[in-house]
Amino acid sequence: PFEYRSRAVPLREKKKKVPLEKGLITPHGTDAPEDGRAAKSAVPPPPPPPPPKTAVAHKSCLLLMAALRHPFGHAKLFFFTFLLLAALALEQEPELPTGIDFGSYSLKIATVGEHGADLVVNSLSERSTATAVSFAHD
């Protein structure tokens, strides 16, 4: 008959760890107990570290890492950063036009209207080509 043997058989047995107290060898003339165990020191073990106080920052960092791991995560991150910059630009109501230079890419933001409620992105492209995208706020 066929016997099933698992492939997860360890190649060799692990050595048994000897507890530290029993494995100590003390030289003659010390005041170690006669039964071979080492004397316990009077120093208590250190207390466990307190929980980190930056739990909120840690959680937001984990959320950011999860967003970057997701497909299109970088695009989403850039898009929401762009929306935040646009909202800040609308809050300031800058003079027309306002531009941000990214080297080979240029981004021009202008506010149109009485209260600066309309946002027009003049160009977000390479300098050689000119494209226009506009976001209108009702």
N, C-alpha and C. Protein backbone atom coordinates (compact mmCIF):
# COMPACT_ATOMS: atom_id res chain seq x y z
N PRO A 1 0.82 -1.20 0.00
CA PRO A 1 0.00 0.00 0.00
C PRO A 1 0.87 1.26 0.00
N PHE A 2 0.30 2.32 -0.50
CA PHE A 2 1.03 3.59 -0.61
C PHE A 2 0.95 4.35 0.71
N GLU A 3 2.13 4.79 1.19
CA GLU A 3 2.17 5.58 2.42
C GLU A 3 2.50 7.02 2.07
N TYR A 4 1.71 7.93 2.60
CA TYR A 4 1.96 9.35 2.34
C TYR A 4 2.97 9.86 3.35
N ARG A 5 4.03 10.45 2.84
CA ARG A 5 5.03 11.07 3.71
C ARG A 5 5.10 12.54 3.38
N SER A 6 4.99 13.35 4.37
CA SER A 6 5.02 14.80 4.15
C SER A 6 6.42 15.24 3.79
N ARG A 7 6.51 16.24 2.94
CA ARG A 7 7.82 16.80 2.58
C ARG A 7 8.32 17.77 3.64
N ALA A 8 7.48 18.07 4.61
CA ALA A 8 7.84 19.04 5.63
C ALA A 8 8.60 18.42 6.78
N VAL A 9 9.21 17.27 6.56
CA VAL A 9 9.99 16.61 7.62
C VAL A 9 11.28 17.40 7.79
N PRO A 10 11.63 17.79 9.01
CA PRO A 10 12.88 18.54 9.19
C PRO A 10 14.08 17.67 8.86
N LEU A 11 15.10 18.32 8.31
CA LEU A 11 16.30 17.58 7.92
C LEU A 11 17.05 17.06 9.13
N ARG A 12 17.09 17.85 10.17
CA ARG A 12 17.74 17.41 11.40
C ARG A 12 16.99 18.00 12.57
N GLU A 13 17.09 17.33 13.68
CA GLU A 13 16.37 17.80 14.85
C GLU A 13 17.05 19.04 15.42
N LYS A 14 16.23 19.94 15.95
CA LYS A 14 16.77 21.13 16.57
C LYS A 14 17.37 20.77 17.93
N LYS A 15 18.45 21.46 18.26
CA LYS A 15 19.07 21.23 19.56
C LYS A 15 18.19 21.83 20.64
N LYS A 16 18.07 21.11 21.73
CA LYS A 16 17.28 21.61 22.84
C LYS A 16 18.06 22.71 23.54
N LYS A 17 17.36 23.81 23.80
CA LYS A 17 18.01 24.93 24.47
C LYS A 17 18.04 24.67 25.97
N VAL A 18 19.21 24.82 26.54
CA VAL A 18 19.38 24.66 27.98
C VAL A 18 19.04 25.98 28.63
N PRO A 19 18.19 25.98 29.66
CA PRO A 19 17.90 27.25 30.34
C PRO A 19 19.18 27.88 30.86
N LEU A 20 19.21 29.20 30.88
CA LEU A 20 20.43 29.92 31.22
C LEU A 20 20.86 29.63 32.66
N GLU A 21 19.90 29.48 33.56
CA GLU A 21 20.26 29.25 34.95
C GLU A 21 20.95 27.91 35.14
N LYS A 22 20.49 26.87 34.43
CA LYS A 22 21.09 25.55 34.61
C LYS A 22 22.41 25.42 33.85
N GLY A 23 22.61 26.24 32.85
CA GLY A 23 23.81 26.10 32.04
C GLY A 23 25.00 26.86 32.58
N LEU A 24 24.85 27.61 33.65
CA LEU A 24 25.96 28.41 34.16
C LEU A 24 26.95 27.53 34.92
N ILE A 25 28.19 27.78 34.68
CA ILE A 25 29.26 27.08 35.41
C ILE A 25 29.92 28.12 36.29
N THR A 26 29.92 27.87 37.58
CA THR A 26 30.51 28.84 38.50
C THR A 26 31.86 28.31 38.98
N PRO A 27 32.84 29.18 39.10
CA PRO A 27 34.15 28.73 39.60
C PRO A 27 34.07 28.42 41.10
N HIS A 28 35.04 27.66 41.55
CA HIS A 28 35.08 27.30 42.98
C HIS A 28 35.35 28.55 43.81
N GLY A 29 34.80 28.55 44.99
CA GLY A 29 35.04 29.67 45.90
C GLY A 29 33.97 30.74 45.83
N THR A 30 32.97 30.59 44.95
CA THR A 30 31.90 31.58 44.90
C THR A 30 30.76 31.11 45.79
N ASP A 31 29.86 32.01 46.08
CA ASP A 31 28.76 31.67 46.96
C ASP A 31 27.52 31.26 46.15
N ALA A 32 27.70 30.40 45.17
CA ALA A 32 26.58 29.88 44.39
C ALA A 32 25.90 28.78 45.19
N PRO A 33 24.61 28.57 45.01
CA PRO A 33 23.93 27.49 45.73
C PRO A 33 24.50 26.13 45.35
N GLU A 34 24.36 25.18 46.26
CA GLU A 34 24.97 23.87 46.03
C GLU A 34 24.21 23.04 45.01
N ASP A 35 22.96 23.35 44.73
CA ASP A 35 22.22 22.52 43.79
C ASP A 35 22.54 22.85 42.33
N GLY A 36 23.46 23.77 42.07
CA GLY A 36 23.91 24.04 40.71
C GLY A 36 23.21 25.20 40.03
N ARG A 37 22.14 25.69 40.63
CA ARG A 37 21.46 26.82 40.00
C ARG A 37 22.18 28.11 40.34
N ALA A 38 22.17 29.05 39.42
CA ALA A 38 22.83 30.33 39.66
C ALA A 38 21.94 31.20 40.55
N ALA A 39 22.57 32.04 41.33
CA ALA A 39 21.82 32.93 42.20
C ALA A 39 21.13 34.00 41.36
N LYS A 40 19.86 34.28 41.70
CA LYS A 40 19.13 35.29 40.94
C LYS A 40 19.61 36.67 41.36
N SER A 41 19.75 37.53 40.38
CA SER A 41 20.21 38.88 40.69
C SER A 41 19.04 39.70 41.23
N ALA A 42 19.37 40.73 41.99
CA ALA A 42 18.34 41.57 42.61
C ALA A 42 17.84 42.65 41.66
N VAL A 43 18.36 42.71 40.45
CA VAL A 43 17.95 43.75 39.50
C VAL A 43 16.67 43.30 38.81
N PRO A 44 15.59 44.06 38.91
CA PRO A 44 14.34 43.65 38.24
C PRO A 44 14.45 43.86 36.73
N PRO A 45 13.68 43.12 35.97
CA PRO A 45 13.74 43.32 34.52
C PRO A 45 13.18 44.69 34.15
N PRO A 46 13.64 45.27 33.06
CA PRO A 46 13.17 46.61 32.69
C PRO A 46 11.68 46.57 32.34
N PRO A 47 10.97 47.65 32.62
CA PRO A 47 9.53 47.67 32.31
C PRO A 47 9.31 47.71 30.80
N PRO A 48 8.16 47.23 30.34
CA PRO A 48 7.91 47.27 28.90
C PRO A 48 7.77 48.71 28.43
N PRO A 49 8.15 48.99 27.19
CA PRO A 49 8.08 50.37 26.71
C PRO A 49 6.63 50.83 26.61
N PRO A 50 6.38 52.11 26.86
CA PRO A 50 5.00 52.62 26.77
C PRO A 50 4.53 52.63 25.32
N PRO A 51 3.23 52.59 25.10
CA PRO A 51 2.74 52.63 23.71
C PRO A 51 3.08 53.97 23.07
N PRO A 52 3.31 53.99 21.77
CA PRO A 52 3.70 55.26 21.13
C PRO A 52 2.57 56.27 21.18
N LYS A 53 2.93 57.54 21.36
CA LYS A 53 1.94 58.60 21.44
C LYS A 53 1.55 59.10 20.05
N THR A 54 2.27 58.68 19.03
CA THR A 54 2.00 59.15 17.67
C THR A 54 1.13 58.15 16.94
N ALA A 55 0.05 57.71 17.58
CA ALA A 55 -0.82 56.71 16.95
C ALA A 55 -1.54 57.30 15.75
N VAL A 56 -1.94 58.56 15.83
CA VAL A 56 -2.66 59.18 14.71
C VAL A 56 -1.72 59.34 13.52
N ALA A 57 -0.50 59.83 13.78
CA ALA A 57 0.46 60.00 12.70
C ALA A 57 0.82 58.65 12.09
N HIS A 58 0.93 57.63 12.95
CA HIS A 58 1.28 56.30 12.45
C HIS A 58 0.16 55.76 11.57
N LYS A 59 -1.09 55.99 11.99
CA LYS A 59 -2.22 55.50 11.21
C LYS A 59 -2.31 56.21 9.87
N SER A 60 -2.08 57.53 9.87
CA SER A 60 -2.13 58.25 8.61
C SER A 60 -0.99 57.82 7.70
N CYS A 61 0.15 57.50 8.29
CA CYS A 61 1.27 56.99 7.48
C CYS A 61 0.91 55.64 6.87
N LEU A 62 0.23 54.78 7.65
CA LEU A 62 -0.19 53.50 7.11
C LEU A 62 -1.21 53.67 6.00
N LEU A 63 -2.12 54.63 6.16
CA LEU A 63 -3.10 54.90 5.11
C LEU A 63 -2.42 55.40 3.85
N LEU A 64 -1.38 56.24 4.02
CA LEU A 64 -0.64 56.72 2.86
C LEU A 64 0.08 55.58 2.16
N MET A 65 0.68 54.68 2.94
CA MET A 65 1.37 53.54 2.34
C MET A 65 0.38 52.65 1.60
N ALA A 66 -0.81 52.45 2.18
CA ALA A 66 -1.82 51.63 1.52
C ALA A 66 -2.29 52.29 0.23
N ALA A 67 -2.41 53.62 0.24
CA ALA A 67 -2.83 54.32 -0.97
C ALA A 67 -1.78 54.20 -2.06
N LEU A 68 -0.51 54.24 -1.66
CA LEU A 68 0.54 54.14 -2.67
C LEU A 68 0.68 52.71 -3.19
N ARG A 69 0.27 51.72 -2.38
CA ARG A 69 0.34 50.33 -2.82
C ARG A 69 -0.80 50.00 -3.79
N HIS A 70 -1.88 50.78 -3.72
CA HIS A 70 -3.06 50.53 -4.55
C HIS A 70 -2.76 50.94 -6.00
N PRO A 71 -3.37 50.25 -6.98
CA PRO A 71 -3.21 50.72 -8.37
C PRO A 71 -3.75 52.14 -8.52
N PHE A 72 -3.07 52.95 -9.25
CA PHE A 72 -3.36 54.37 -9.44
C PHE A 72 -3.24 55.15 -8.13
N GLY A 73 -2.55 54.59 -7.15
CA GLY A 73 -2.40 55.29 -5.88
C GLY A 73 -1.63 56.58 -6.02
N HIS A 74 -0.57 56.58 -6.84
CA HIS A 74 0.21 57.78 -7.02
C HIS A 74 -0.62 58.86 -7.72
N ALA A 75 -1.43 58.44 -8.70
CA ALA A 75 -2.27 59.41 -9.41
C ALA A 75 -3.30 60.02 -8.46
N LYS A 76 -3.89 59.19 -7.60
CA LYS A 76 -4.86 59.71 -6.64
C LYS A 76 -4.19 60.69 -5.68
N LEU A 77 -3.00 60.33 -5.23
CA LEU A 77 -2.30 61.20 -4.30
C LEU A 77 -1.98 62.54 -4.95
N PHE A 78 -1.53 62.51 -6.20
CA PHE A 78 -1.22 63.75 -6.91
C PHE A 78 -2.49 64.57 -7.13
N PHE A 79 -3.59 63.89 -7.48
CA PHE A 79 -4.84 64.59 -7.77
C PHE A 79 -5.36 65.30 -6.53
N PHE A 80 -5.36 64.60 -5.38
CA PHE A 80 -5.86 65.23 -4.16
C PHE A 80 -4.93 66.34 -3.68
N THR A 81 -3.63 66.18 -3.92
CA THR A 81 -2.70 67.26 -3.59
C THR A 81 -2.98 68.47 -4.46
N PHE A 82 -3.26 68.21 -5.74
CA PHE A 82 -3.60 69.30 -6.66
C PHE A 82 -4.88 70.01 -6.22
N LEU A 83 -5.89 69.23 -5.79
CA LEU A 83 -7.12 69.85 -5.32
C LEU A 83 -6.88 70.70 -4.07
N LEU A 84 -6.01 70.22 -3.19
CA LEU A 84 -5.69 70.99 -2.00
C LEU A 84 -5.00 72.30 -2.37
N LEU A 85 -4.04 72.23 -3.30
CA LEU A 85 -3.37 73.45 -3.74
C LEU A 85 -4.36 74.41 -4.40
N ALA A 86 -5.28 73.86 -5.18
CA ALA A 86 -6.27 74.71 -5.84
C ALA A 86 -7.18 75.38 -4.82
N ALA A 87 -7.58 74.63 -3.79
CA ALA A 87 -8.43 75.22 -2.75
C ALA A 87 -7.68 76.32 -2.01
N LEU A 88 -6.40 76.09 -1.74
CA LEU A 88 -5.61 77.13 -1.08
C LEU A 88 -5.46 78.35 -1.98
N ALA A 89 -5.30 78.13 -3.28
CA ALA A 89 -5.19 79.24 -4.21
C ALA A 89 -6.49 80.04 -4.25
N LEU A 90 -7.63 79.35 -4.16
CA LEU A 90 -8.91 80.05 -4.16
C LEU A 90 -9.12 80.82 -2.87
N GLU A 91 -8.62 80.27 -1.76
CA GLU A 91 -8.77 80.97 -0.48
C GLU A 91 -7.99 82.29 -0.48
N GLN A 92 -6.83 82.28 -1.09
CA GLN A 92 -5.98 83.47 -1.08
C GLN A 92 -6.48 84.54 -2.05
N GLU A 93 -7.26 84.14 -3.07
CA GLU A 93 -7.71 85.02 -4.14
C GLU A 93 -6.53 85.79 -4.73
N PRO A 94 -5.63 85.09 -5.41
CA PRO A 94 -4.43 85.76 -5.92
C PRO A 94 -4.74 86.62 -7.14
N GLU A 95 -3.78 87.44 -7.50
CA GLU A 95 -3.90 88.23 -8.72
C GLU A 95 -3.83 87.30 -9.91
N LEU A 96 -4.45 87.67 -10.98
CA LEU A 96 -4.53 86.83 -12.17
C LEU A 96 -3.32 87.10 -13.06
N PRO A 97 -2.58 86.16 -13.56
CA PRO A 97 -2.60 84.73 -13.29
C PRO A 97 -1.57 84.35 -12.23
N THR A 98 -1.68 83.16 -11.68
CA THR A 98 -0.70 82.62 -10.74
C THR A 98 -0.10 81.38 -11.38
N GLY A 99 1.19 81.25 -11.33
CA GLY A 99 1.83 80.11 -11.97
C GLY A 99 2.75 79.38 -11.02
N ILE A 100 2.83 78.08 -11.19
CA ILE A 100 3.77 77.24 -10.45
C ILE A 100 4.64 76.55 -11.48
N ASP A 101 5.94 76.65 -11.32
CA ASP A 101 6.86 76.11 -12.31
C ASP A 101 7.46 74.82 -11.78
N PHE A 102 7.31 73.72 -12.53
CA PHE A 102 7.87 72.42 -12.14
C PHE A 102 9.03 72.02 -13.03
N GLY A 103 9.78 72.95 -13.56
CA GLY A 103 10.87 72.58 -14.45
C GLY A 103 10.35 72.41 -15.86
N SER A 104 10.29 71.17 -16.35
CA SER A 104 9.81 70.94 -17.71
C SER A 104 8.29 70.99 -17.78
N TYR A 105 7.62 70.97 -16.64
CA TYR A 105 6.16 71.08 -16.61
C TYR A 105 5.78 72.42 -15.97
N SER A 106 4.73 73.02 -16.46
CA SER A 106 4.28 74.27 -15.86
C SER A 106 2.80 74.16 -15.53
N LEU A 107 2.41 74.76 -14.44
CA LEU A 107 1.02 74.74 -13.99
C LEU A 107 0.62 76.18 -13.71
N LYS A 108 -0.41 76.63 -14.42
CA LYS A 108 -0.87 77.99 -14.22
C LYS A 108 -2.30 77.94 -13.70
N ILE A 109 -2.53 78.59 -12.57
CA ILE A 109 -3.85 78.62 -11.96
C ILE A 109 -4.32 80.07 -11.96
N ALA A 110 -5.53 80.30 -12.40
CA ALA A 110 -6.09 81.65 -12.40
C ALA A 110 -7.50 81.59 -11.83
N THR A 111 -7.86 82.59 -11.07
CA THR A 111 -9.22 82.67 -10.56
C THR A 111 -10.00 83.63 -11.44
N VAL A 112 -11.20 83.22 -11.79
CA VAL A 112 -12.05 84.01 -12.67
C VAL A 112 -13.38 84.20 -11.96
N GLY A 113 -13.92 85.40 -11.98
CA GLY A 113 -15.21 85.65 -11.35
C GLY A 113 -15.08 86.67 -10.24
N GLU A 114 -16.22 87.07 -9.70
CA GLU A 114 -16.22 88.11 -8.69
C GLU A 114 -15.60 87.63 -7.38
N HIS A 115 -16.00 86.44 -6.95
CA HIS A 115 -15.56 85.96 -5.63
C HIS A 115 -14.44 84.93 -5.73
N GLY A 116 -13.91 84.75 -6.91
CA GLY A 116 -12.85 83.76 -7.07
C GLY A 116 -13.37 82.34 -6.92
N ALA A 117 -14.62 82.11 -7.32
CA ALA A 117 -15.21 80.78 -7.16
C ALA A 117 -14.90 79.87 -8.33
N ASP A 118 -14.47 80.43 -9.43
CA ASP A 118 -14.15 79.62 -10.61
C ASP A 118 -12.65 79.40 -10.67
N LEU A 119 -12.28 78.19 -10.95
CA LEU A 119 -10.86 77.84 -11.06
C LEU A 119 -10.59 77.42 -12.49
N VAL A 120 -9.63 78.05 -13.12
CA VAL A 120 -9.27 77.70 -14.49
C VAL A 120 -7.82 77.28 -14.48
N VAL A 121 -7.57 76.08 -14.95
CA VAL A 121 -6.20 75.61 -15.10
C VAL A 121 -5.80 75.89 -16.53
N ASN A 122 -4.92 76.84 -16.71
CA ASN A 122 -4.55 77.22 -18.07
C ASN A 122 -3.74 76.13 -18.75
N SER A 123 -2.75 75.59 -18.06
CA SER A 123 -1.98 74.52 -18.70
C SER A 123 -1.33 73.66 -17.63
N LEU A 124 -1.43 72.37 -17.86
CA LEU A 124 -0.70 71.40 -17.04
C LEU A 124 -0.14 70.40 -18.03
N SER A 125 0.95 70.74 -18.64
CA SER A 125 1.52 69.91 -19.69
C SER A 125 2.96 70.31 -19.89
N GLU A 126 3.61 69.63 -20.82
CA GLU A 126 4.95 70.03 -21.17
C GLU A 126 4.88 71.38 -21.88
N ARG A 127 5.98 72.12 -21.81
CA ARG A 127 5.97 73.47 -22.36
C ARG A 127 5.75 73.48 -23.87
N SER A 128 6.12 72.40 -24.55
CA SER A 128 6.01 72.41 -26.00
C SER A 128 4.56 72.34 -26.47
N THR A 129 3.69 71.67 -25.69
CA THR A 129 2.28 71.57 -26.09
C THR A 129 1.43 72.36 -25.12
N ALA A 130 0.37 72.96 -25.62
CA ALA A 130 -0.52 73.76 -24.77
C ALA A 130 -1.88 73.10 -24.71
N THR A 131 -2.28 72.67 -23.52
CA THR A 131 -3.61 72.11 -23.34
C THR A 131 -4.32 72.92 -22.28
N ALA A 132 -5.62 72.95 -22.34
CA ALA A 132 -6.39 73.73 -21.38
C ALA A 132 -7.43 72.84 -20.72
N VAL A 133 -7.50 72.89 -19.41
CA VAL A 133 -8.50 72.16 -18.65
C VAL A 133 -9.14 73.17 -17.72
N SER A 134 -10.45 73.17 -17.65
CA SER A 134 -11.11 74.14 -16.78
C SER A 134 -12.08 73.43 -15.85
N PHE A 135 -12.13 73.89 -14.61
CA PHE A 135 -13.08 73.40 -13.62
C PHE A 135 -13.97 74.59 -13.27
N ALA A 136 -15.25 74.45 -13.48
CA ALA A 136 -16.17 75.54 -13.18
C ALA A 136 -16.96 75.20 -11.93
N HIS A 137 -17.12 76.19 -11.09
CA HIS A 137 -17.87 76.03 -9.85
C HIS A 137 -19.18 76.79 -9.98
N ASP A 138 -20.32 76.09 -9.78
CA ASP A 138 -21.62 76.76 -9.92
C ASP A 138 -21.98 77.47 -8.63
